[in-house]
């Protein structure tokens, strides 16, 4: 059961990383900054496939879709915990 809580905790952190990246993208980020580079490195493998599946010009909704998928996974984890 503690493994499920660890996964839940990691998913929550990942959601916040995606949110921070989305907010920073509204400004002109310095891509040579190590923090910005970290955010892109960690989130791009998940966001880019969503962008390819749902190509919308102008507004990038891939962070919203990824967050919804993560929240769905988290809810399934808690449903599994309650069933135990």
PDB file of N, CA and C in Angstrom:
ATOM      1  N   UNK A   1       0.811  -1.188   0.000  1.00  0.00           N
ATOM      2  CA  UNK A   1       0.000   0.000   0.000  1.00  0.00           C
ATOM      3  C   UNK A   1       0.857   1.256   0.000  1.00  0.00           C
ATOM      4  N   UNK A   2       2.011   1.217   0.621  1.00  0.00           N
ATOM      5  CA  UNK A   2       2.877   2.392   0.642  1.00  0.00           C
ATOM      6  C   UNK A   2       3.414   2.694  -0.753  1.00  0.00           C
ATOM      7  N   UNK A   3       3.533   1.673  -1.604  1.00  0.00           N
ATOM      8  CA  UNK A   3       3.959   1.906  -2.983  1.00  0.00           C
ATOM      9  C   UNK A   3       2.909   2.731  -3.724  1.00  0.00           C
ATOM     10  N   UNK A   4       1.647   2.468  -3.474  1.00  0.00           N
ATOM     11  CA  UNK A   4       0.590   3.248  -4.107  1.00  0.00           C
ATOM     12  C   UNK A   4       0.610   4.698  -3.646  1.00  0.00           C
ATOM     13  N   UNK A   5       0.897   4.915  -2.375  1.00  0.00           N
ATOM     14  CA  UNK A   5       1.000   6.283  -1.869  1.00  0.00           C
ATOM     15  C   UNK A   5       2.213   6.992  -2.472  1.00  0.00           C
ATOM     16  N   UNK A   6       3.292   6.279  -2.670  1.00  0.00           N
ATOM     17  CA  UNK A   6       4.467   6.863  -3.305  1.00  0.00           C
ATOM     18  C   UNK A   6       4.155   7.260  -4.743  1.00  0.00           C
ATOM     19  N   UNK A   7       3.470   6.396  -5.464  1.00  0.00           N
ATOM     20  CA  UNK A   7       3.081   6.710  -6.839  1.00  0.00           C
ATOM     21  C   UNK A   7       2.166   7.925  -6.861  1.00  0.00           C
ATOM     22  N   UNK A   8       1.226   7.987  -5.937  1.00  0.00           N
ATOM     23  CA  UNK A   8       0.327   9.135  -5.844  1.00  0.00           C
ATOM     24  C   UNK A   8       1.117  10.413  -5.594  1.00  0.00           C
ATOM     25  N   UNK A   9       2.048  10.364  -4.689  1.00  0.00           N
ATOM     26  CA  UNK A   9       2.877  11.521  -4.356  1.00  0.00           C
ATOM     27  C   UNK A   9       3.690  11.968  -5.576  1.00  0.00           C
ATOM     28  N   UNK A  10       4.272  11.029  -6.294  1.00  0.00           N
ATOM     29  CA  UNK A  10       5.064  11.362  -7.478  1.00  0.00           C
ATOM     30  C   UNK A  10       4.184  11.956  -8.583  1.00  0.00           C
ATOM     31  N   UNK A  11       2.993  11.440  -8.734  1.00  0.00           N
ATOM     32  CA  UNK A  11       2.081  11.998  -9.730  1.00  0.00           C
ATOM     33  C   UNK A  11       1.673  13.418  -9.378  1.00  0.00           C
ATOM     34  N   UNK A  12       1.461  13.683  -8.107  1.00  0.00           N
ATOM     35  CA  UNK A  12       1.130  15.055  -7.678  1.00  0.00           C
ATOM     36  C   UNK A  12       2.277  16.014  -7.977  1.00  0.00           C
ATOM     37  N   UNK A  13       3.487  15.588  -7.703  1.00  0.00           N
ATOM     38  CA  UNK A  13       4.657  16.431  -7.992  1.00  0.00           C
ATOM     39  C   UNK A  13       4.763  16.680  -9.493  1.00  0.00           C
ATOM     40  N   UNK A  14       4.534  15.647 -10.284  1.00  0.00           N
ATOM     41  CA  UNK A  14       4.618  15.793 -11.733  1.00  0.00           C
ATOM     42  C   UNK A  14       3.568  16.768 -12.265  1.00  0.00           C
ATOM     43  N   UNK A  15       2.377  16.747 -11.691  1.00  0.00           N
ATOM     44  CA  UNK A  15       1.339  17.704 -12.086  1.00  0.00           C
ATOM     45  C   UNK A  15       1.821  19.127 -11.816  1.00  0.00           C
ATOM     46  N   UNK A  16       2.437  19.353 -10.664  1.00  0.00           N
ATOM     47  CA  UNK A  16       2.939  20.685 -10.354  1.00  0.00           C
ATOM     48  C   UNK A  16       4.071  21.098 -11.280  1.00  0.00           C
ATOM     49  N   UNK A  17       4.908  20.158 -11.667  1.00  0.00           N
ATOM     50  CA  UNK A  17       5.974  20.464 -12.622  1.00  0.00           C
ATOM     51  C   UNK A  17       5.368  20.885 -13.961  1.00  0.00           C
ATOM     52  N   UNK A  18       4.327  20.205 -14.396  1.00  0.00           N
ATOM     53  CA  UNK A  18       3.656  20.576 -15.646  1.00  0.00           C
ATOM     54  C   UNK A  18       3.022  21.963 -15.533  1.00  0.00           C
ATOM     55  N   UNK A  19       2.391  22.242 -14.401  1.00  0.00           N
ATOM     56  CA  UNK A  19       1.773  23.556 -14.190  1.00  0.00           C
ATOM     57  C   UNK A  19       2.825  24.653 -14.227  1.00  0.00           C
ATOM     58  N   UNK A  20       3.942  24.434 -13.549  1.00  0.00           N
ATOM     59  CA  UNK A  20       5.015  25.440 -13.538  1.00  0.00           C
ATOM     60  C   UNK A  20       5.543  25.661 -14.949  1.00  0.00           C
ATOM     61  N   UNK A  21       5.731  24.577 -15.698  1.00  0.00           N
ATOM     62  CA  UNK A  21       6.212  24.733 -17.070  1.00  0.00           C
ATOM     63  C   UNK A  21       5.211  25.509 -17.920  1.00  0.00           C
ATOM     64  N   UNK A  22       3.930  25.227 -17.756  1.00  0.00           N
ATOM     65  CA  UNK A  22       2.918  25.938 -18.539  1.00  0.00           C
ATOM     66  C   UNK A  22       2.920  27.430 -18.209  1.00  0.00           C
ATOM     67  N   UNK A  23       3.028  27.762 -16.943  1.00  0.00           N
ATOM     68  CA  UNK A  23       3.043  29.175 -16.542  1.00  0.00           C
ATOM     69  C   UNK A  23       4.292  29.863 -17.066  1.00  0.00           C
ATOM     70  N   UNK A  24       5.431  29.219 -16.957  1.00  0.00           N
ATOM     71  CA  UNK A  24       6.674  29.817 -17.440  1.00  0.00           C
ATOM     72  C   UNK A  24       6.636  30.014 -18.955  1.00  0.00           C
ATOM     73  N   UNK A  25       5.934  29.141 -19.667  1.00  0.00           N
ATOM     74  CA  UNK A  25       5.874  29.276 -21.124  1.00  0.00           C
ATOM     75  C   UNK A  25       5.114  30.528 -21.567  1.00  0.00           C
ATOM     76  N   UNK A  26       4.333  31.137 -20.678  1.00  0.00           N
ATOM     77  CA  UNK A  26       3.629  32.365 -21.024  1.00  0.00           C
ATOM     78  C   UNK A  26       4.586  33.535 -21.165  1.00  0.00           C
ATOM     79  N   UNK A  27       5.748  33.435 -20.544  1.00  0.00           N
ATOM     80  CA  UNK A  27       6.751  34.491 -20.578  1.00  0.00           C
ATOM     81  C   UNK A  27       7.844  34.084 -21.564  1.00  0.00           C
ATOM     82  N   UNK A  28       8.876  34.869 -21.664  1.00  0.00           N
ATOM     83  CA  UNK A  28      10.014  34.519 -22.516  1.00  0.00           C
ATOM     84  C   UNK A  28      11.063  33.833 -21.655  1.00  0.00           C
ATOM     85  N   UNK A  29      10.974  32.508 -21.527  1.00  0.00           N
ATOM     86  CA  UNK A  29      11.936  31.838 -20.643  1.00  0.00           C
ATOM     87  C   UNK A  29      13.322  31.784 -21.272  1.00  0.00           C
ATOM     88  N   UNK A  30      14.304  31.819 -20.413  1.00  0.00           N
ATOM     89  CA  UNK A  30      15.691  31.676 -20.837  1.00  0.00           C
ATOM     90  C   UNK A  30      15.987  30.176 -20.875  1.00  0.00           C
ATOM     91  N   UNK A  31      16.047  29.616 -22.074  1.00  0.00           N
ATOM     92  CA  UNK A  31      16.200  28.170 -22.218  1.00  0.00           C
ATOM     93  C   UNK A  31      17.569  27.658 -21.792  1.00  0.00           C
ATOM     94  N   UNK A  32      18.505  28.565 -21.572  1.00  0.00           N
ATOM     95  CA  UNK A  32      19.810  28.125 -21.072  1.00  0.00           C
ATOM     96  C   UNK A  32      19.821  28.023 -19.544  1.00  0.00           C
ATOM     97  N   UNK A  33      18.757  28.482 -18.903  1.00  0.00           N
ATOM     98  CA  UNK A  33      18.630  28.367 -17.456  1.00  0.00           C
ATOM     99  C   UNK A  33      18.476  26.885 -17.099  1.00  0.00           C
ATOM    100  N   UNK A  34      19.261  26.389 -16.145  1.00  0.00           N
ATOM    101  CA  UNK A  34      19.177  24.961 -15.783  1.00  0.00           C
ATOM    102  C   UNK A  34      17.797  24.532 -15.283  1.00  0.00           C
ATOM    103  N   UNK A  35      17.101  25.400 -14.581  1.00  0.00           N
ATOM    104  CA  UNK A  35      15.768  25.057 -14.084  1.00  0.00           C
ATOM    105  C   UNK A  35      14.785  24.891 -15.243  1.00  0.00           C
ATOM    106  N   UNK A  36      14.815  25.818 -16.197  1.00  0.00           N
ATOM    107  CA  UNK A  36      13.950  25.734 -17.366  1.00  0.00           C
ATOM    108  C   UNK A  36      14.295  24.489 -18.182  1.00  0.00           C
ATOM    109  N   UNK A  37      15.576  24.237 -18.320  1.00  0.00           N
ATOM    110  CA  UNK A  37      16.026  23.054 -19.052  1.00  0.00           C
ATOM    111  C   UNK A  37      15.519  21.774 -18.366  1.00  0.00           C
ATOM    112  N   UNK A  38      15.562  21.742 -17.042  1.00  0.00           N
ATOM    113  CA  UNK A  38      15.045  20.600 -16.284  1.00  0.00           C
ATOM    114  C   UNK A  38      13.550  20.406 -16.543  1.00  0.00           C
ATOM    115  N   UNK A  39      12.783  21.502 -16.478  1.00  0.00           N
ATOM    116  CA  UNK A  39      11.338  21.406 -16.703  1.00  0.00           C
ATOM    117  C   UNK A  39      11.027  20.855 -18.091  1.00  0.00           C
ATOM    118  N   UNK A  40      11.735  21.325 -19.083  1.00  0.00           N
ATOM    119  CA  UNK A  40      11.496  20.861 -20.449  1.00  0.00           C
ATOM    120  C   UNK A  40      11.905  19.400 -20.587  1.00  0.00           C
ATOM    121  N   UNK A  41      13.048  19.043 -20.032  1.00  0.00           N
ATOM    122  CA  UNK A  41      13.529  17.672 -20.128  1.00  0.00           C
ATOM    123  C   UNK A  41      12.571  16.690 -19.468  1.00  0.00           C
ATOM    124  N   UNK A  42      11.994  17.064 -18.354  1.00  0.00           N
ATOM    125  CA  UNK A  42      11.114  16.161 -17.604  1.00  0.00           C
ATOM    126  C   UNK A  42       9.711  16.071 -18.217  1.00  0.00           C
ATOM    127  N   UNK A  43       9.220  17.156 -18.782  1.00  0.00           N
ATOM    128  CA  UNK A  43       7.832  17.166 -19.248  1.00  0.00           C
ATOM    129  C   UNK A  43       7.665  16.907 -20.745  1.00  0.00           C
ATOM    130  N   UNK A  44       8.649  17.205 -21.532  1.00  0.00           N
ATOM    131  CA  UNK A  44       8.491  17.082 -22.988  1.00  0.00           C
ATOM    132  C   UNK A  44       8.190  15.656 -23.461  1.00  0.00           C
ATOM    133  N   UNK A  45       8.775  14.611 -22.871  1.00  0.00           N
ATOM    134  CA  UNK A  45       8.427  13.259 -23.334  1.00  0.00           C
ATOM    135  C   UNK A  45       6.947  12.909 -23.168  1.00  0.00           C
ATOM    136  N   UNK A  46       6.258  13.551 -22.257  1.00  0.00           N
ATOM    137  CA  UNK A  46       4.836  13.289 -22.045  1.00  0.00           C
ATOM    138  C   UNK A  46       3.974  14.258 -22.857  1.00  0.00           C
ATOM    139  N   UNK A  47       4.401  15.507 -22.967  1.00  0.00           N
ATOM    140  CA  UNK A  47       3.589  16.511 -23.644  1.00  0.00           C
ATOM    141  C   UNK A  47       3.649  16.406 -25.170  1.00  0.00           C
ATOM    142  N   UNK A  48       4.800  16.073 -25.721  1.00  0.00           N
ATOM    143  CA  UNK A  48       4.927  16.075 -27.185  1.00  0.00           C
ATOM    144  C   UNK A  48       4.051  15.039 -27.881  1.00  0.00           C
ATOM    145  N   UNK A  49       3.878  13.814 -27.352  1.00  0.00           N
ATOM    146  CA  UNK A  49       2.944  12.896 -28.026  1.00  0.00           C
ATOM    147  C   UNK A  49       1.503  13.411 -28.027  1.00  0.00           C
ATOM    148  N   UNK A  50       1.108  14.094 -26.970  1.00  0.00           N
ATOM    149  CA  UNK A  50      -0.244  14.663 -26.910  1.00  0.00           C
ATOM    150  C   UNK A  50      -0.377  15.769 -27.954  1.00  0.00           C
ATOM    151  N   UNK A  51       0.666  16.582 -28.112  1.00  0.00           N
ATOM    152  CA  UNK A  51       0.636  17.631 -29.136  1.00  0.00           C
ATOM    153  C   UNK A  51       0.494  17.051 -30.530  1.00  0.00           C
ATOM    154  N   UNK A  52       1.139  15.918 -30.771  1.00  0.00           N
ATOM    155  CA  UNK A  52       1.028  15.287 -32.088  1.00  0.00           C
ATOM    156  C   UNK A  52      -0.361  14.700 -32.307  1.00  0.00           C
ATOM    157  N   UNK A  53      -0.967  14.163 -31.262  1.00  0.00           N
ATOM    158  CA  UNK A  53      -2.307  13.587 -31.383  1.00  0.00           C
ATOM    159  C   UNK A  53      -3.381  14.651 -31.575  1.00  0.00           C
ATOM    160  N   UNK A  54      -3.230  15.775 -30.878  1.00  0.00           N
ATOM    161  CA  UNK A  54      -4.235  16.836 -30.918  1.00  0.00           C
ATOM    162  C   UNK A  54      -3.550  18.128 -31.376  1.00  0.00           C
ATOM    163  N   UNK A  55      -3.377  18.287 -32.680  1.00  0.00           N
ATOM    164  CA  UNK A  55      -2.698  19.493 -33.167  1.00  0.00           C
ATOM    165  C   UNK A  55      -3.642  20.693 -33.212  1.00  0.00           C
ATOM    166  N   UNK A  56      -3.534  21.558 -32.234  1.00  0.00           N
ATOM    167  CA  UNK A  56      -4.319  22.792 -32.198  1.00  0.00           C
ATOM    168  C   UNK A  56      -3.335  23.949 -32.293  1.00  0.00           C
ATOM    169  N   UNK A  57      -3.572  24.807 -33.231  1.00  0.00           N
ATOM    170  CA  UNK A  57      -2.672  25.953 -33.410  1.00  0.00           C
ATOM    171  C   UNK A  57      -3.059  27.076 -32.451  1.00  0.00           C
ATOM    172  N   UNK A  58      -2.048  27.741 -31.946  1.00  0.00           N
ATOM    173  CA  UNK A  58      -2.287  28.903 -31.096  1.00  0.00           C
ATOM    174  C   UNK A  58      -2.201  28.602 -29.614  1.00  0.00           C
ATOM    175  N   UNK A  59      -3.038  27.717 -29.131  1.00  0.00           N
ATOM    176  CA  UNK A  59      -3.057  27.412 -27.700  1.00  0.00           C
ATOM    177  C   UNK A  59      -2.654  25.951 -27.512  1.00  0.00           C
ATOM    178  N   UNK A  60      -1.686  25.756 -26.643  1.00  0.00           N
ATOM    179  CA  UNK A  60      -1.221  24.398 -26.342  1.00  0.00           C
ATOM    180  C   UNK A  60      -2.044  23.847 -25.179  1.00  0.00           C
ATOM    181  N   UNK A  61      -2.923  22.897 -25.477  1.00  0.00           N
ATOM    182  CA  UNK A  61      -3.747  22.317 -24.420  1.00  0.00           C
ATOM    183  C   UNK A  61      -3.190  20.990 -23.913  1.00  0.00           C
ATOM    184  N   UNK A  62      -2.010  20.623 -24.395  1.00  0.00           N
ATOM    185  CA  UNK A  62      -1.433  19.346 -23.965  1.00  0.00           C
ATOM    186  C   UNK A  62      -1.210  19.274 -22.453  1.00  0.00           C
ATOM    187  N   UNK A  63      -0.792  20.365 -21.769  1.00  0.00           N
ATOM    188  CA  UNK A  63      -0.679  20.243 -20.307  1.00  0.00           C
ATOM    189  C   UNK A  63      -2.005  19.916 -19.625  1.00  0.00           C
ATOM    190  N   UNK A  64      -3.087  20.490 -20.112  1.00  0.00           N
ATOM    191  CA  UNK A  64      -4.398  20.221 -19.515  1.00  0.00           C
ATOM    192  C   UNK A  64      -4.777  18.760 -19.710  1.00  0.00           C
ATOM    193  N   UNK A  65      -4.542  18.248 -20.898  1.00  0.00           N
ATOM    194  CA  UNK A  65      -4.894  16.859 -21.187  1.00  0.00           C
ATOM    195  C   UNK A  65      -4.058  15.903 -20.343  1.00  0.00           C
ATOM    196  N   UNK A  66      -2.755  16.189 -20.232  1.00  0.00           N
ATOM    197  CA  UNK A  66      -1.876  15.327 -19.424  1.00  0.00           C
ATOM    198  C   UNK A  66      -2.291  15.373 -17.960  1.00  0.00           C
ATOM    199  N   UNK A  67      -2.623  16.542 -17.454  1.00  0.00           N
ATOM    200  CA  UNK A  67      -3.061  16.652 -16.054  1.00  0.00           C
ATOM    201  C   UNK A  67      -4.355  15.867 -15.843  1.00  0.00           C
ATOM    202  N   UNK A  68      -5.284  15.931 -16.786  1.00  0.00           N
ATOM    203  CA  UNK A  68      -6.520  15.154 -16.661  1.00  0.00           C
ATOM    204  C   UNK A  68      -6.237  13.653 -16.661  1.00  0.00           C
ATOM    205  N   UNK A  69      -5.313  13.217 -17.498  1.00  0.00           N
ATOM    206  CA  UNK A  69      -4.939  11.798 -17.525  1.00  0.00           C
ATOM    207  C   UNK A  69      -4.298  11.385 -16.205  1.00  0.00           C
ATOM    208  N   UNK A  70      -3.418  12.225 -15.682  1.00  0.00           N
ATOM    209  CA  UNK A  70      -2.766  11.919 -14.405  1.00  0.00           C
ATOM    210  C   UNK A  70      -3.799  11.856 -13.285  1.00  0.00           C
ATOM    211  N   UNK A  71      -4.730  12.791 -13.276  1.00  0.00           N
ATOM    212  CA  UNK A  71      -5.765  12.781 -12.242  1.00  0.00           C
ATOM    213  C   UNK A  71      -6.640  11.532 -12.344  1.00  0.00           C
ATOM    214  N   UNK A  72      -6.925  11.096 -13.564  1.00  0.00           N
ATOM    215  CA  UNK A  72      -7.676   9.861 -13.746  1.00  0.00           C
ATOM    216  C   UNK A  72      -6.903   8.679 -13.148  1.00  0.00           C
ATOM    217  N   UNK A  73      -5.606   8.625 -13.410  1.00  0.00           N
ATOM    218  CA  UNK A  73      -4.767   7.548 -12.864  1.00  0.00           C
ATOM    219  C   UNK A  73      -4.758   7.607 -11.341  1.00  0.00           C
ATOM    220  N   UNK A  74      -4.622   8.816 -10.790  1.00  0.00           N
ATOM    221  CA  UNK A  74      -4.619   8.957  -9.326  1.00  0.00           C
ATOM    222  C   UNK A  74      -5.935   8.463  -8.724  1.00  0.00           C
ATOM    223  N   UNK A  75      -7.029   8.797  -9.344  1.00  0.00           N
ATOM    224  CA  UNK A  75      -8.334   8.358  -8.827  1.00  0.00           C
ATOM    225  C   UNK A  75      -8.477   6.842  -8.906  1.00  0.00           C
ATOM    226  N   UNK A  76      -7.940   6.253  -9.952  1.00  0.00           N
ATOM    227  CA  UNK A  76      -7.976   4.798 -10.059  1.00  0.00           C
ATOM    228  C   UNK A  76      -7.131   4.152  -8.963  1.00  0.00           C
ATOM    229  N   UNK A  77      -6.003   4.775  -8.625  1.00  0.00           N
ATOM    230  CA  UNK A  77      -5.164   4.265  -7.544  1.00  0.00           C
ATOM    231  C   UNK A  77      -5.938   4.302  -6.220  1.00  0.00           C
ATOM    232  N   UNK A  78      -6.605   5.428  -5.939  1.00  0.00           N
ATOM    233  CA  UNK A  78      -7.355   5.508  -4.688  1.00  0.00           C
ATOM    234  C   UNK A  78      -8.545   4.573  -4.678  1.00  0.00           C
ATOM    235  N   UNK A  79      -9.154   4.366  -5.830  1.00  0.00           N
ATOM    236  CA  UNK A  79     -10.242   3.387  -5.904  1.00  0.00           C
ATOM    237  C   UNK A  79      -9.721   1.993  -5.563  1.00  0.00           C
ATOM    238  N   UNK A  80      -8.522   1.695  -6.046  1.00  0.00           N
ATOM    239  CA  UNK A  80      -7.890   0.417  -5.758  1.00  0.00           C
ATOM    240  C   UNK A  80      -7.572   0.296  -4.258  1.00  0.00           C
ATOM    241  N   UNK A  81      -7.098   1.380  -3.652  1.00  0.00           N
ATOM    242  CA  UNK A  81      -6.776   1.364  -2.221  1.00  0.00           C
ATOM    243  C   UNK A  81      -8.043   1.127  -1.395  1.00  0.00           C
ATOM    244  N   UNK A  82      -9.118   1.783  -1.752  1.00  0.00           N
ATOM    245  CA  UNK A  82     -10.375   1.645  -1.003  1.00  0.00           C
ATOM    246  C   UNK A  82     -10.907   0.226  -1.132  1.00  0.00           C
ATOM    247  N   UNK A  83     -10.752  -0.371  -2.303  1.00  0.00           N
ATOM    248  CA  UNK A  83     -11.230  -1.740  -2.515  1.00  0.00           C
ATOM    249  C   UNK A  83     -10.451  -2.763  -1.705  1.00  0.00           C
ATOM    250  N   UNK A  84      -9.219  -2.436  -1.343  1.00  0.00           N
ATOM    251  CA  UNK A  84      -8.400  -3.381  -0.579  1.00  0.00           C
ATOM    252  C   UNK A  84      -8.898  -3.459   0.792  1.00  0.00           C
TER     253      UNK A  84
END
